[in-house]
């Protein structure tokens, strides 16, 4: 959980867990994340930004027949373990994704599916069902880089869960995972 001054939130959470589950053999341990280092706030690590790659077919860096990158991130296309979103430019429908491979390779897969009209893929299904007489441009947006697969997959699941079901392009088999149990604390914070 996020760090708070004096570890107040972590200790309150640990007490609440003990109250809710007093006789459990398996106890949950609450750990605070480290805070943001001051140098990471004050120092710009890459003052010149992310450069576009030299692969002119890269759908993350360059516009293609079916895709248009949204350059709002400094995460390069060669990054591995990222979460991303693909949004249809003709409507608000979106595909929430994650990959352990490079984002460029994953987006090349999506581009190949569109070029070959693979009808069993979410973007092509959407195109042929919702816009059969038009050619959509799908906007690719890199959302975040992750340090481990579990966090990346949980993030994707939460994005799918929090998106209006009418707008999500992910298949039910992808999104049909158990819900994550949430614990909320009540009372004032000092």
N, C-alpha and C. Protein backbone atom coordinates (compact mmCIF):
# COMPACT_ATOMS: atom_id res chain seq x y z
N UNK A 1 0.83 -1.18 0.00
CA UNK A 1 0.00 0.00 0.00
C UNK A 1 0.88 1.24 0.00
N UNK A 2 0.35 2.40 -0.36
CA UNK A 2 1.16 3.61 -0.40
C UNK A 2 1.67 4.00 0.99
N UNK A 3 2.86 4.56 1.01
CA UNK A 3 3.46 5.00 2.28
C UNK A 3 2.72 6.23 2.81
N UNK A 4 2.54 6.27 4.14
CA UNK A 4 1.95 7.44 4.79
C UNK A 4 2.87 7.85 5.94
N UNK A 5 2.83 9.10 6.35
CA UNK A 5 3.69 9.54 7.44
C UNK A 5 3.49 8.69 8.69
N UNK A 6 4.59 8.14 9.20
CA UNK A 6 4.54 7.34 10.41
C UNK A 6 3.90 5.97 10.22
N UNK A 7 3.62 5.59 9.00
CA UNK A 7 3.01 4.29 8.73
C UNK A 7 1.61 4.15 9.28
N UNK A 8 0.90 5.28 9.41
CA UNK A 8 -0.44 5.29 10.02
C UNK A 8 -1.42 4.39 9.26
N UNK A 9 -1.46 4.52 7.95
CA UNK A 9 -2.42 3.75 7.16
C UNK A 9 -2.12 2.25 7.24
N UNK A 10 -0.85 1.87 7.19
CA UNK A 10 -0.48 0.45 7.27
C UNK A 10 -0.87 -0.14 8.62
N UNK A 11 -0.63 0.59 9.71
CA UNK A 11 -0.98 0.06 11.03
C UNK A 11 -2.50 -0.04 11.20
N UNK A 12 -3.24 0.93 10.67
CA UNK A 12 -4.71 0.86 10.74
C UNK A 12 -5.23 -0.31 9.94
N UNK A 13 -4.63 -0.55 8.76
CA UNK A 13 -5.04 -1.67 7.92
C UNK A 13 -4.75 -2.99 8.62
N UNK A 14 -3.58 -3.12 9.26
CA UNK A 14 -3.21 -4.35 9.95
C UNK A 14 -4.17 -4.62 11.11
N UNK A 15 -4.53 -3.56 11.85
CA UNK A 15 -5.49 -3.71 12.95
C UNK A 15 -6.85 -4.17 12.43
N UNK A 16 -7.28 -3.58 11.33
CA UNK A 16 -8.59 -3.92 10.76
C UNK A 16 -8.62 -5.36 10.27
N UNK A 17 -7.53 -5.82 9.66
CA UNK A 17 -7.43 -7.20 9.21
C UNK A 17 -7.50 -8.14 10.41
N UNK A 18 -6.82 -7.78 11.50
CA UNK A 18 -6.85 -8.61 12.71
C UNK A 18 -8.26 -8.67 13.30
N UNK A 19 -9.00 -7.56 13.24
CA UNK A 19 -10.38 -7.54 13.73
C UNK A 19 -11.29 -8.42 12.89
N UNK A 20 -11.13 -8.36 11.58
CA UNK A 20 -12.00 -9.11 10.67
C UNK A 20 -11.68 -10.60 10.64
N UNK A 21 -10.45 -10.96 10.99
CA UNK A 21 -10.02 -12.34 10.86
C UNK A 21 -9.17 -12.73 12.07
N UNK A 22 -9.75 -12.74 13.27
CA UNK A 22 -8.94 -12.93 14.48
C UNK A 22 -8.38 -14.35 14.67
N UNK A 23 -9.06 -15.37 14.16
CA UNK A 23 -8.62 -16.73 14.45
C UNK A 23 -7.93 -17.40 13.27
N UNK A 24 -7.57 -16.65 12.28
CA UNK A 24 -6.96 -17.24 11.08
C UNK A 24 -5.52 -17.69 11.35
N UNK A 25 -5.18 -18.86 10.82
CA UNK A 25 -3.81 -19.37 10.92
C UNK A 25 -2.91 -18.57 9.97
N UNK A 26 -3.45 -18.23 8.80
CA UNK A 26 -2.69 -17.47 7.81
C UNK A 26 -2.98 -15.98 7.98
N UNK A 27 -2.01 -15.25 8.43
CA UNK A 27 -2.17 -13.81 8.63
C UNK A 27 -1.69 -13.06 7.41
N UNK A 28 -2.36 -11.98 7.08
CA UNK A 28 -1.92 -11.11 6.00
C UNK A 28 -0.93 -10.10 6.55
N UNK A 29 0.06 -9.78 5.77
CA UNK A 29 1.05 -8.80 6.17
C UNK A 29 0.87 -7.56 5.30
N UNK A 30 0.81 -6.40 5.92
CA UNK A 30 0.65 -5.15 5.20
C UNK A 30 2.02 -4.50 5.08
N UNK A 31 2.39 -4.18 3.84
CA UNK A 31 3.70 -3.57 3.59
C UNK A 31 3.50 -2.27 2.82
N UNK A 32 4.22 -1.24 3.24
CA UNK A 32 4.15 0.04 2.55
C UNK A 32 5.15 0.08 1.40
N UNK A 33 4.73 0.71 0.31
CA UNK A 33 5.64 0.96 -0.80
C UNK A 33 6.56 2.10 -0.40
N UNK A 34 7.75 2.10 -0.99
CA UNK A 34 8.65 3.23 -0.77
C UNK A 34 8.09 4.46 -1.45
N UNK A 35 8.36 5.60 -0.92
CA UNK A 35 7.88 6.84 -1.50
C UNK A 35 8.69 7.25 -2.72
N UNK A 36 8.32 8.34 -3.33
CA UNK A 36 9.02 8.87 -4.49
C UNK A 36 10.25 9.63 -4.01
N UNK A 37 11.38 9.35 -4.63
CA UNK A 37 12.61 10.06 -4.27
C UNK A 37 12.54 11.49 -4.79
N UNK A 38 13.04 12.42 -4.01
CA UNK A 38 13.03 13.83 -4.38
C UNK A 38 13.76 14.05 -5.69
N UNK A 39 14.87 13.33 -5.92
CA UNK A 39 15.62 13.54 -7.16
C UNK A 39 14.81 13.11 -8.39
N UNK A 40 13.89 12.15 -8.23
CA UNK A 40 13.05 11.73 -9.35
C UNK A 40 12.00 12.79 -9.71
N UNK A 41 11.69 13.65 -8.77
CA UNK A 41 10.74 14.73 -9.03
C UNK A 41 11.46 15.93 -9.66
N UNK A 42 12.65 16.22 -9.15
CA UNK A 42 13.36 17.43 -9.56
C UNK A 42 14.22 17.26 -10.81
N UNK A 43 14.66 16.04 -11.10
CA UNK A 43 15.58 15.83 -12.20
C UNK A 43 14.87 15.15 -13.36
N UNK A 44 15.01 15.69 -14.55
CA UNK A 44 14.45 15.09 -15.76
C UNK A 44 15.47 14.10 -16.30
N UNK A 45 15.13 12.80 -16.26
CA UNK A 45 16.07 11.77 -16.67
C UNK A 45 16.37 11.82 -18.17
N UNK A 46 15.37 12.15 -18.97
CA UNK A 46 15.55 12.18 -20.42
C UNK A 46 15.00 13.50 -20.94
N UNK A 47 15.79 14.58 -20.89
CA UNK A 47 15.27 15.90 -21.26
C UNK A 47 14.88 16.02 -22.73
N UNK A 48 15.34 15.12 -23.59
CA UNK A 48 15.04 15.21 -25.01
C UNK A 48 13.88 14.32 -25.43
N UNK A 49 13.29 13.60 -24.48
CA UNK A 49 12.13 12.75 -24.77
C UNK A 49 12.51 11.47 -25.50
N UNK A 50 11.51 10.68 -25.76
CA UNK A 50 11.71 9.41 -26.45
C UNK A 50 11.76 9.66 -27.95
N UNK A 51 12.77 9.12 -28.59
CA UNK A 51 12.89 9.26 -30.04
C UNK A 51 12.12 8.15 -30.71
N UNK A 52 11.61 8.45 -31.91
CA UNK A 52 10.93 7.43 -32.69
C UNK A 52 11.96 6.41 -33.16
N UNK A 53 11.52 5.18 -33.28
CA UNK A 53 12.43 4.13 -33.72
C UNK A 53 12.69 4.23 -35.22
N UNK A 54 13.59 3.43 -35.71
CA UNK A 54 13.94 3.45 -37.13
C UNK A 54 13.09 2.49 -37.95
N UNK A 55 12.25 1.70 -37.29
CA UNK A 55 11.39 0.75 -37.99
C UNK A 55 10.15 1.50 -38.47
N UNK A 56 10.10 1.84 -39.75
CA UNK A 56 9.00 2.65 -40.28
C UNK A 56 7.66 1.92 -40.26
N UNK A 57 7.67 0.63 -40.01
CA UNK A 57 6.43 -0.15 -39.91
C UNK A 57 5.94 -0.25 -38.46
N UNK A 58 6.64 0.37 -37.54
CA UNK A 58 6.29 0.29 -36.11
C UNK A 58 4.98 1.04 -35.85
N UNK A 59 3.91 0.34 -35.46
CA UNK A 59 2.63 1.01 -35.21
C UNK A 59 2.61 1.83 -33.92
N UNK A 60 3.62 1.67 -33.08
CA UNK A 60 3.69 2.45 -31.85
C UNK A 60 4.26 3.84 -32.14
N UNK A 61 5.16 3.92 -33.13
CA UNK A 61 5.84 5.18 -33.44
C UNK A 61 5.30 5.89 -34.68
N UNK A 62 4.78 5.12 -35.64
CA UNK A 62 4.35 5.70 -36.91
C UNK A 62 2.92 5.30 -37.24
N UNK A 63 2.23 6.19 -37.93
CA UNK A 63 0.87 5.90 -38.38
C UNK A 63 0.91 4.87 -39.50
N UNK A 64 -0.02 3.92 -39.45
CA UNK A 64 -0.14 2.90 -40.49
C UNK A 64 -1.53 3.01 -41.11
N UNK A 65 -1.84 2.10 -41.99
CA UNK A 65 -3.16 2.08 -42.63
C UNK A 65 -4.28 1.93 -41.59
N UNK A 66 -4.03 1.18 -40.52
CA UNK A 66 -5.06 0.90 -39.53
C UNK A 66 -4.81 1.51 -38.15
N UNK A 67 -3.60 1.96 -37.90
CA UNK A 67 -3.28 2.42 -36.54
C UNK A 67 -2.69 3.82 -36.53
N UNK A 68 -2.89 4.47 -35.40
CA UNK A 68 -2.35 5.81 -35.19
C UNK A 68 -1.84 5.87 -33.75
N UNK A 69 -0.54 6.12 -33.56
CA UNK A 69 -0.03 6.18 -32.19
C UNK A 69 -0.48 7.46 -31.49
N UNK A 70 -0.66 7.35 -30.19
CA UNK A 70 -0.95 8.51 -29.34
C UNK A 70 0.32 8.72 -28.52
N UNK A 71 1.10 9.72 -28.85
CA UNK A 71 2.40 9.94 -28.21
C UNK A 71 2.23 10.79 -26.96
N UNK A 72 1.78 10.18 -25.87
CA UNK A 72 1.64 10.91 -24.62
C UNK A 72 2.55 10.30 -23.56
N UNK A 73 3.34 9.33 -23.97
CA UNK A 73 4.18 8.61 -23.03
C UNK A 73 5.63 8.68 -23.46
N UNK A 74 6.51 8.64 -22.50
CA UNK A 74 7.94 8.59 -22.81
C UNK A 74 8.44 7.15 -22.81
N UNK A 75 7.52 6.21 -22.83
CA UNK A 75 7.90 4.80 -22.84
C UNK A 75 8.20 4.41 -24.29
N UNK A 76 9.42 3.96 -24.59
CA UNK A 76 9.77 3.62 -25.98
C UNK A 76 9.11 2.33 -26.45
N UNK A 77 9.04 2.16 -27.75
CA UNK A 77 8.38 0.99 -28.34
C UNK A 77 9.16 -0.30 -28.10
N UNK A 78 10.38 -0.20 -27.64
CA UNK A 78 11.18 -1.39 -27.35
C UNK A 78 11.00 -1.86 -25.91
N UNK A 79 10.13 -1.18 -25.15
CA UNK A 79 9.89 -1.54 -23.75
C UNK A 79 9.12 -2.84 -23.65
N UNK A 80 9.51 -3.63 -22.67
CA UNK A 80 8.81 -4.88 -22.37
C UNK A 80 7.97 -4.66 -21.12
N UNK A 81 6.98 -5.53 -20.92
CA UNK A 81 6.14 -5.52 -19.73
C UNK A 81 5.39 -4.20 -19.57
N UNK A 82 4.47 -3.95 -20.49
CA UNK A 82 3.69 -2.71 -20.45
C UNK A 82 2.19 -3.00 -20.55
N UNK A 83 1.42 -2.03 -20.10
CA UNK A 83 -0.02 -2.03 -20.29
C UNK A 83 -0.33 -1.03 -21.38
N UNK A 84 -1.33 -1.33 -22.21
CA UNK A 84 -1.66 -0.43 -23.31
C UNK A 84 -3.16 -0.43 -23.56
N UNK A 85 -3.59 0.56 -24.36
CA UNK A 85 -4.99 0.68 -24.72
C UNK A 85 -5.06 0.95 -26.22
N UNK A 86 -6.01 0.30 -26.89
CA UNK A 86 -6.25 0.56 -28.30
C UNK A 86 -7.70 1.04 -28.40
N UNK A 87 -7.89 2.23 -28.98
CA UNK A 87 -9.21 2.84 -29.03
C UNK A 87 -9.62 3.05 -30.49
N UNK A 88 -10.86 2.74 -30.81
CA UNK A 88 -11.39 2.94 -32.16
C UNK A 88 -11.64 4.43 -32.36
N UNK A 89 -11.18 4.97 -33.50
CA UNK A 89 -11.38 6.40 -33.75
C UNK A 89 -12.80 6.73 -34.22
N UNK A 90 -13.59 5.71 -34.56
CA UNK A 90 -14.95 5.94 -35.03
C UNK A 90 -15.99 5.88 -33.90
N UNK A 91 -15.59 5.31 -32.78
CA UNK A 91 -16.48 5.23 -31.62
C UNK A 91 -15.60 5.21 -30.36
N UNK A 92 -16.19 5.06 -29.21
CA UNK A 92 -15.43 5.07 -27.96
C UNK A 92 -15.00 3.68 -27.50
N UNK A 93 -15.17 2.68 -28.34
CA UNK A 93 -14.82 1.31 -27.93
C UNK A 93 -13.31 1.18 -27.79
N UNK A 94 -12.89 0.35 -26.84
CA UNK A 94 -11.46 0.20 -26.60
C UNK A 94 -11.09 -1.22 -26.21
N UNK A 95 -9.85 -1.54 -26.46
CA UNK A 95 -9.26 -2.82 -26.09
C UNK A 95 -8.20 -2.53 -25.05
N UNK A 96 -8.30 -3.15 -23.90
CA UNK A 96 -7.30 -2.99 -22.84
C UNK A 96 -6.35 -4.17 -22.93
N UNK A 97 -5.06 -3.90 -23.01
CA UNK A 97 -4.11 -4.98 -23.18
C UNK A 97 -2.89 -4.87 -22.30
N UNK A 98 -2.13 -5.94 -22.28
CA UNK A 98 -0.85 -5.99 -21.58
C UNK A 98 0.03 -6.99 -22.31
N UNK A 99 1.33 -6.80 -22.22
CA UNK A 99 2.24 -7.74 -22.85
C UNK A 99 3.55 -7.80 -22.07
N UNK A 100 4.13 -8.98 -22.07
CA UNK A 100 5.46 -9.16 -21.48
C UNK A 100 6.54 -8.97 -22.54
N UNK A 101 6.13 -9.07 -23.82
CA UNK A 101 7.08 -8.84 -24.91
C UNK A 101 7.21 -7.34 -25.14
N UNK A 102 7.97 -6.94 -26.17
CA UNK A 102 8.05 -5.51 -26.44
C UNK A 102 6.69 -5.05 -26.97
N UNK A 103 6.36 -3.81 -26.67
CA UNK A 103 5.08 -3.27 -27.12
C UNK A 103 5.04 -3.21 -28.64
N UNK A 104 6.17 -2.99 -29.29
CA UNK A 104 6.21 -2.96 -30.76
C UNK A 104 5.78 -4.31 -31.33
N UNK A 105 6.33 -5.41 -30.81
CA UNK A 105 5.98 -6.73 -31.33
C UNK A 105 4.50 -7.03 -31.12
N UNK A 106 3.97 -6.66 -29.97
CA UNK A 106 2.55 -6.93 -29.70
C UNK A 106 1.66 -6.12 -30.64
N UNK A 107 2.03 -4.87 -30.89
CA UNK A 107 1.22 -4.04 -31.78
C UNK A 107 1.35 -4.50 -33.23
N UNK A 108 2.51 -5.04 -33.60
CA UNK A 108 2.65 -5.62 -34.94
C UNK A 108 1.72 -6.81 -35.10
N UNK A 109 1.49 -7.58 -34.03
CA UNK A 109 0.52 -8.67 -34.06
C UNK A 109 -0.88 -8.13 -34.36
N UNK A 110 -1.27 -7.08 -33.63
CA UNK A 110 -2.59 -6.48 -33.85
C UNK A 110 -2.71 -5.95 -35.28
N UNK A 111 -1.65 -5.29 -35.76
CA UNK A 111 -1.65 -4.75 -37.12
C UNK A 111 -1.79 -5.87 -38.16
N UNK A 112 -1.07 -6.96 -37.97
CA UNK A 112 -1.16 -8.11 -38.87
C UNK A 112 -2.58 -8.69 -38.88
N UNK A 113 -3.21 -8.76 -37.69
CA UNK A 113 -4.59 -9.25 -37.61
C UNK A 113 -5.52 -8.37 -38.45
N UNK A 114 -5.33 -7.05 -38.37
CA UNK A 114 -6.17 -6.12 -39.14
C UNK A 114 -5.90 -6.25 -40.64
N UNK A 115 -4.64 -6.30 -41.02
CA UNK A 115 -4.28 -6.40 -42.44
C UNK A 115 -4.80 -7.69 -43.06
N UNK A 116 -4.76 -8.78 -42.30
CA UNK A 116 -5.20 -10.08 -42.80
C UNK A 116 -6.67 -10.38 -42.48
N UNK A 117 -7.33 -9.42 -41.86
CA UNK A 117 -8.75 -9.54 -41.48
C UNK A 117 -9.04 -10.85 -40.75
N UNK A 118 -8.23 -11.12 -39.73
CA UNK A 118 -8.44 -12.33 -38.92
C UNK A 118 -9.70 -12.13 -38.09
N UNK A 119 -10.74 -12.81 -38.46
CA UNK A 119 -12.07 -12.59 -37.88
C UNK A 119 -12.21 -13.04 -36.44
N UNK A 120 -11.24 -13.79 -35.93
CA UNK A 120 -11.31 -14.27 -34.55
C UNK A 120 -10.61 -13.33 -33.58
N UNK A 121 -10.20 -12.15 -34.02
CA UNK A 121 -9.50 -11.20 -33.15
C UNK A 121 -10.42 -10.03 -32.79
N UNK A 122 -10.24 -9.44 -31.62
CA UNK A 122 -11.17 -8.41 -31.13
C UNK A 122 -11.27 -7.18 -32.03
N UNK A 123 -10.16 -6.68 -32.55
CA UNK A 123 -10.21 -5.46 -33.35
C UNK A 123 -10.92 -5.70 -34.68
N UNK A 124 -10.65 -6.84 -35.31
CA UNK A 124 -11.30 -7.16 -36.59
C UNK A 124 -12.78 -7.45 -36.37
N UNK A 125 -13.11 -8.17 -35.29
CA UNK A 125 -14.53 -8.42 -34.97
C UNK A 125 -15.28 -7.09 -34.85
N UNK A 126 -14.68 -6.15 -34.12
CA UNK A 126 -15.31 -4.84 -33.93
C UNK A 126 -15.47 -4.12 -35.26
N UNK A 127 -14.42 -4.09 -36.04
CA UNK A 127 -14.44 -3.42 -37.33
C UNK A 127 -15.56 -3.97 -38.21
N UNK A 128 -15.60 -5.28 -38.38
CA UNK A 128 -16.56 -5.89 -39.30
C UNK A 128 -18.00 -5.81 -38.79
N UNK A 129 -18.16 -5.82 -37.48
CA UNK A 129 -19.51 -5.75 -36.91
C UNK A 129 -20.04 -4.32 -36.83
N UNK A 130 -19.20 -3.40 -36.33
CA UNK A 130 -19.66 -2.04 -36.05
C UNK A 130 -19.42 -1.04 -37.20
N UNK A 131 -18.39 -1.25 -37.99
CA UNK A 131 -18.03 -0.30 -39.05
C UNK A 131 -17.71 -1.03 -40.36
N UNK A 132 -18.61 -1.88 -40.84
CA UNK A 132 -18.28 -2.70 -42.01
C UNK A 132 -18.01 -1.90 -43.29
N UNK A 133 -18.55 -0.70 -43.39
CA UNK A 133 -18.37 0.11 -44.60
C UNK A 133 -17.32 1.20 -44.43
N UNK A 134 -16.63 1.19 -43.32
CA UNK A 134 -15.59 2.19 -43.06
C UNK A 134 -14.32 1.47 -42.62
N UNK A 135 -13.21 2.17 -42.72
CA UNK A 135 -11.95 1.59 -42.24
C UNK A 135 -11.51 2.40 -41.03
N UNK A 136 -11.63 1.82 -39.83
CA UNK A 136 -11.23 2.57 -38.63
C UNK A 136 -9.72 2.67 -38.51
N UNK A 137 -9.29 3.69 -37.80
CA UNK A 137 -7.89 3.82 -37.38
C UNK A 137 -7.92 3.62 -35.88
N UNK A 138 -7.19 2.62 -35.42
CA UNK A 138 -7.16 2.34 -34.00
C UNK A 138 -6.00 3.11 -33.37
N UNK A 139 -6.31 3.86 -32.32
CA UNK A 139 -5.31 4.68 -31.64
C UNK A 139 -4.63 3.86 -30.54
N UNK A 140 -3.32 3.76 -30.63
CA UNK A 140 -2.53 2.97 -29.69
C UNK A 140 -1.92 3.90 -28.65
N UNK A 141 -2.14 3.56 -27.39
CA UNK A 141 -1.63 4.39 -26.30
C UNK A 141 -0.94 3.48 -25.28
N UNK A 142 0.34 3.73 -25.02
CA UNK A 142 1.05 2.99 -23.99
C UNK A 142 0.70 3.65 -22.65
N UNK A 143 0.23 2.87 -21.71
CA UNK A 143 -0.23 3.43 -20.45
C UNK A 143 0.83 3.42 -19.36
N UNK A 144 1.51 2.27 -19.21
CA UNK A 144 2.41 2.15 -18.06
C UNK A 144 3.37 1.00 -18.26
N UNK A 145 4.55 1.12 -17.69
CA UNK A 145 5.55 0.06 -17.69
C UNK A 145 5.51 -0.61 -16.32
N UNK A 146 5.66 -1.94 -16.29
CA UNK A 146 5.55 -2.69 -15.04
C UNK A 146 6.83 -3.46 -14.76
N UNK A 147 7.05 -3.74 -13.48
CA UNK A 147 8.26 -4.47 -13.09
C UNK A 147 8.00 -5.96 -12.91
N UNK A 148 6.70 -6.36 -12.83
CA UNK A 148 6.43 -7.79 -12.68
C UNK A 148 5.13 -8.15 -13.40
N UNK A 149 5.00 -9.41 -13.83
CA UNK A 149 3.82 -9.84 -14.59
C UNK A 149 2.51 -9.75 -13.81
N UNK A 150 2.52 -10.10 -12.53
CA UNK A 150 1.27 -10.10 -11.77
C UNK A 150 0.66 -8.70 -11.71
N UNK A 151 1.46 -7.70 -11.41
CA UNK A 151 0.96 -6.33 -11.34
C UNK A 151 0.43 -5.88 -12.69
N UNK A 152 1.12 -6.24 -13.75
CA UNK A 152 0.70 -5.88 -15.11
C UNK A 152 -0.65 -6.52 -15.44
N UNK A 153 -0.82 -7.78 -15.09
CA UNK A 153 -2.06 -8.49 -15.40
C UNK A 153 -3.22 -8.01 -14.53
N UNK A 154 -2.95 -7.70 -13.27
CA UNK A 154 -3.99 -7.16 -12.39
C UNK A 154 -4.44 -5.79 -12.90
N UNK A 155 -3.48 -4.98 -13.33
CA UNK A 155 -3.80 -3.66 -13.88
C UNK A 155 -4.72 -3.80 -15.09
N UNK A 156 -4.39 -4.72 -15.99
CA UNK A 156 -5.24 -4.93 -17.16
C UNK A 156 -6.64 -5.38 -16.73
N UNK A 157 -6.72 -6.31 -15.80
CA UNK A 157 -8.01 -6.79 -15.32
C UNK A 157 -8.86 -5.67 -14.72
N UNK A 158 -8.23 -4.80 -13.96
CA UNK A 158 -8.95 -3.67 -13.37
C UNK A 158 -9.43 -2.69 -14.43
N UNK A 159 -8.59 -2.45 -15.44
CA UNK A 159 -9.01 -1.55 -16.53
C UNK A 159 -10.21 -2.14 -17.28
N UNK A 160 -10.19 -3.43 -17.52
CA UNK A 160 -11.32 -4.09 -18.19
C UNK A 160 -12.57 -4.01 -17.32
N UNK A 161 -12.41 -4.30 -16.03
CA UNK A 161 -13.53 -4.30 -15.09
C UNK A 161 -14.15 -2.91 -14.96
N UNK A 162 -13.32 -1.87 -14.98
CA UNK A 162 -13.80 -0.50 -14.76
C UNK A 162 -14.33 0.16 -16.03
N UNK A 163 -14.17 -0.46 -17.19
CA UNK A 163 -14.67 0.10 -18.44
C UNK A 163 -16.11 -0.35 -18.66
N UNK A 164 -16.92 0.54 -19.18
CA UNK A 164 -18.30 0.22 -19.50
C UNK A 164 -18.33 -1.03 -20.39
N UNK A 165 -19.07 -2.07 -20.01
CA UNK A 165 -19.11 -3.32 -20.79
C UNK A 165 -19.53 -3.12 -22.24
N UNK A 166 -20.29 -2.05 -22.52
CA UNK A 166 -20.71 -1.77 -23.89
C UNK A 166 -19.56 -1.25 -24.75
N UNK A 167 -18.49 -0.77 -24.10
CA UNK A 167 -17.38 -0.16 -24.83
C UNK A 167 -16.13 -1.02 -24.90
N UNK A 168 -16.13 -2.15 -24.20
CA UNK A 168 -14.90 -2.96 -24.12
C UNK A 168 -14.85 -3.96 -25.27
N UNK A 169 -13.69 -4.08 -25.91
CA UNK A 169 -13.52 -5.01 -27.02
C UNK A 169 -12.88 -6.33 -26.60
N UNK A 170 -12.39 -6.40 -25.37
CA UNK A 170 -11.79 -7.64 -24.88
C UNK A 170 -12.86 -8.72 -24.85
N UNK A 171 -12.45 -9.95 -25.14
CA UNK A 171 -13.42 -11.04 -25.13
C UNK A 171 -13.74 -11.43 -23.68
N UNK A 172 -14.86 -12.08 -23.49
CA UNK A 172 -15.27 -12.47 -22.15
C UNK A 172 -14.30 -13.46 -21.53
N UNK A 173 -13.69 -14.30 -22.34
CA UNK A 173 -12.75 -15.28 -21.78
C UNK A 173 -11.54 -14.60 -21.17
N UNK A 174 -11.14 -13.45 -21.73
CA UNK A 174 -10.01 -12.71 -21.17
C UNK A 174 -10.40 -12.03 -19.86
N UNK A 175 -11.59 -11.45 -19.85
CA UNK A 175 -12.00 -10.61 -18.72
C UNK A 175 -12.74 -11.38 -17.64
N UNK A 176 -13.00 -12.65 -17.83
CA UNK A 176 -13.81 -13.40 -16.89
C UNK A 176 -12.95 -14.03 -15.79
N UNK A 177 -12.26 -13.20 -15.05
CA UNK A 177 -11.44 -13.66 -13.94
C UNK A 177 -12.13 -13.27 -12.65
N UNK A 178 -11.78 -13.91 -11.53
CA UNK A 178 -12.42 -13.55 -10.26
C UNK A 178 -12.16 -12.09 -9.91
N UNK A 179 -13.13 -11.49 -9.28
CA UNK A 179 -12.98 -10.10 -8.85
C UNK A 179 -11.94 -10.02 -7.74
N UNK A 180 -11.29 -8.87 -7.64
CA UNK A 180 -10.31 -8.64 -6.59
C UNK A 180 -11.06 -8.10 -5.38
N UNK A 181 -10.88 -8.74 -4.23
CA UNK A 181 -11.54 -8.31 -3.01
C UNK A 181 -10.92 -7.01 -2.54
N UNK A 182 -11.78 -6.07 -2.20
CA UNK A 182 -11.29 -4.78 -1.72
C UNK A 182 -11.71 -4.59 -0.27
N UNK A 183 -10.81 -4.07 0.54
CA UNK A 183 -11.09 -3.79 1.94
C UNK A 183 -11.10 -2.27 2.08
N UNK A 184 -12.12 -1.74 2.69
CA UNK A 184 -12.15 -0.28 2.90
C UNK A 184 -12.12 0.00 4.40
N UNK A 185 -11.46 1.07 4.75
CA UNK A 185 -11.36 1.50 6.14
C UNK A 185 -12.30 2.66 6.37
N UNK A 186 -12.95 2.65 7.49
CA UNK A 186 -13.85 3.74 7.83
C UNK A 186 -13.28 4.50 9.02
N UNK A 187 -13.63 5.75 9.10
CA UNK A 187 -13.16 6.58 10.21
C UNK A 187 -12.31 7.71 9.72
N UNK A 188 -11.92 8.56 10.62
CA UNK A 188 -11.13 9.73 10.23
C UNK A 188 -9.66 9.36 10.15
N UNK A 189 -8.94 10.07 9.30
CA UNK A 189 -7.49 9.88 9.18
C UNK A 189 -6.81 11.07 9.85
N UNK A 190 -5.86 10.77 10.71
CA UNK A 190 -5.15 11.86 11.41
C UNK A 190 -3.75 11.93 10.90
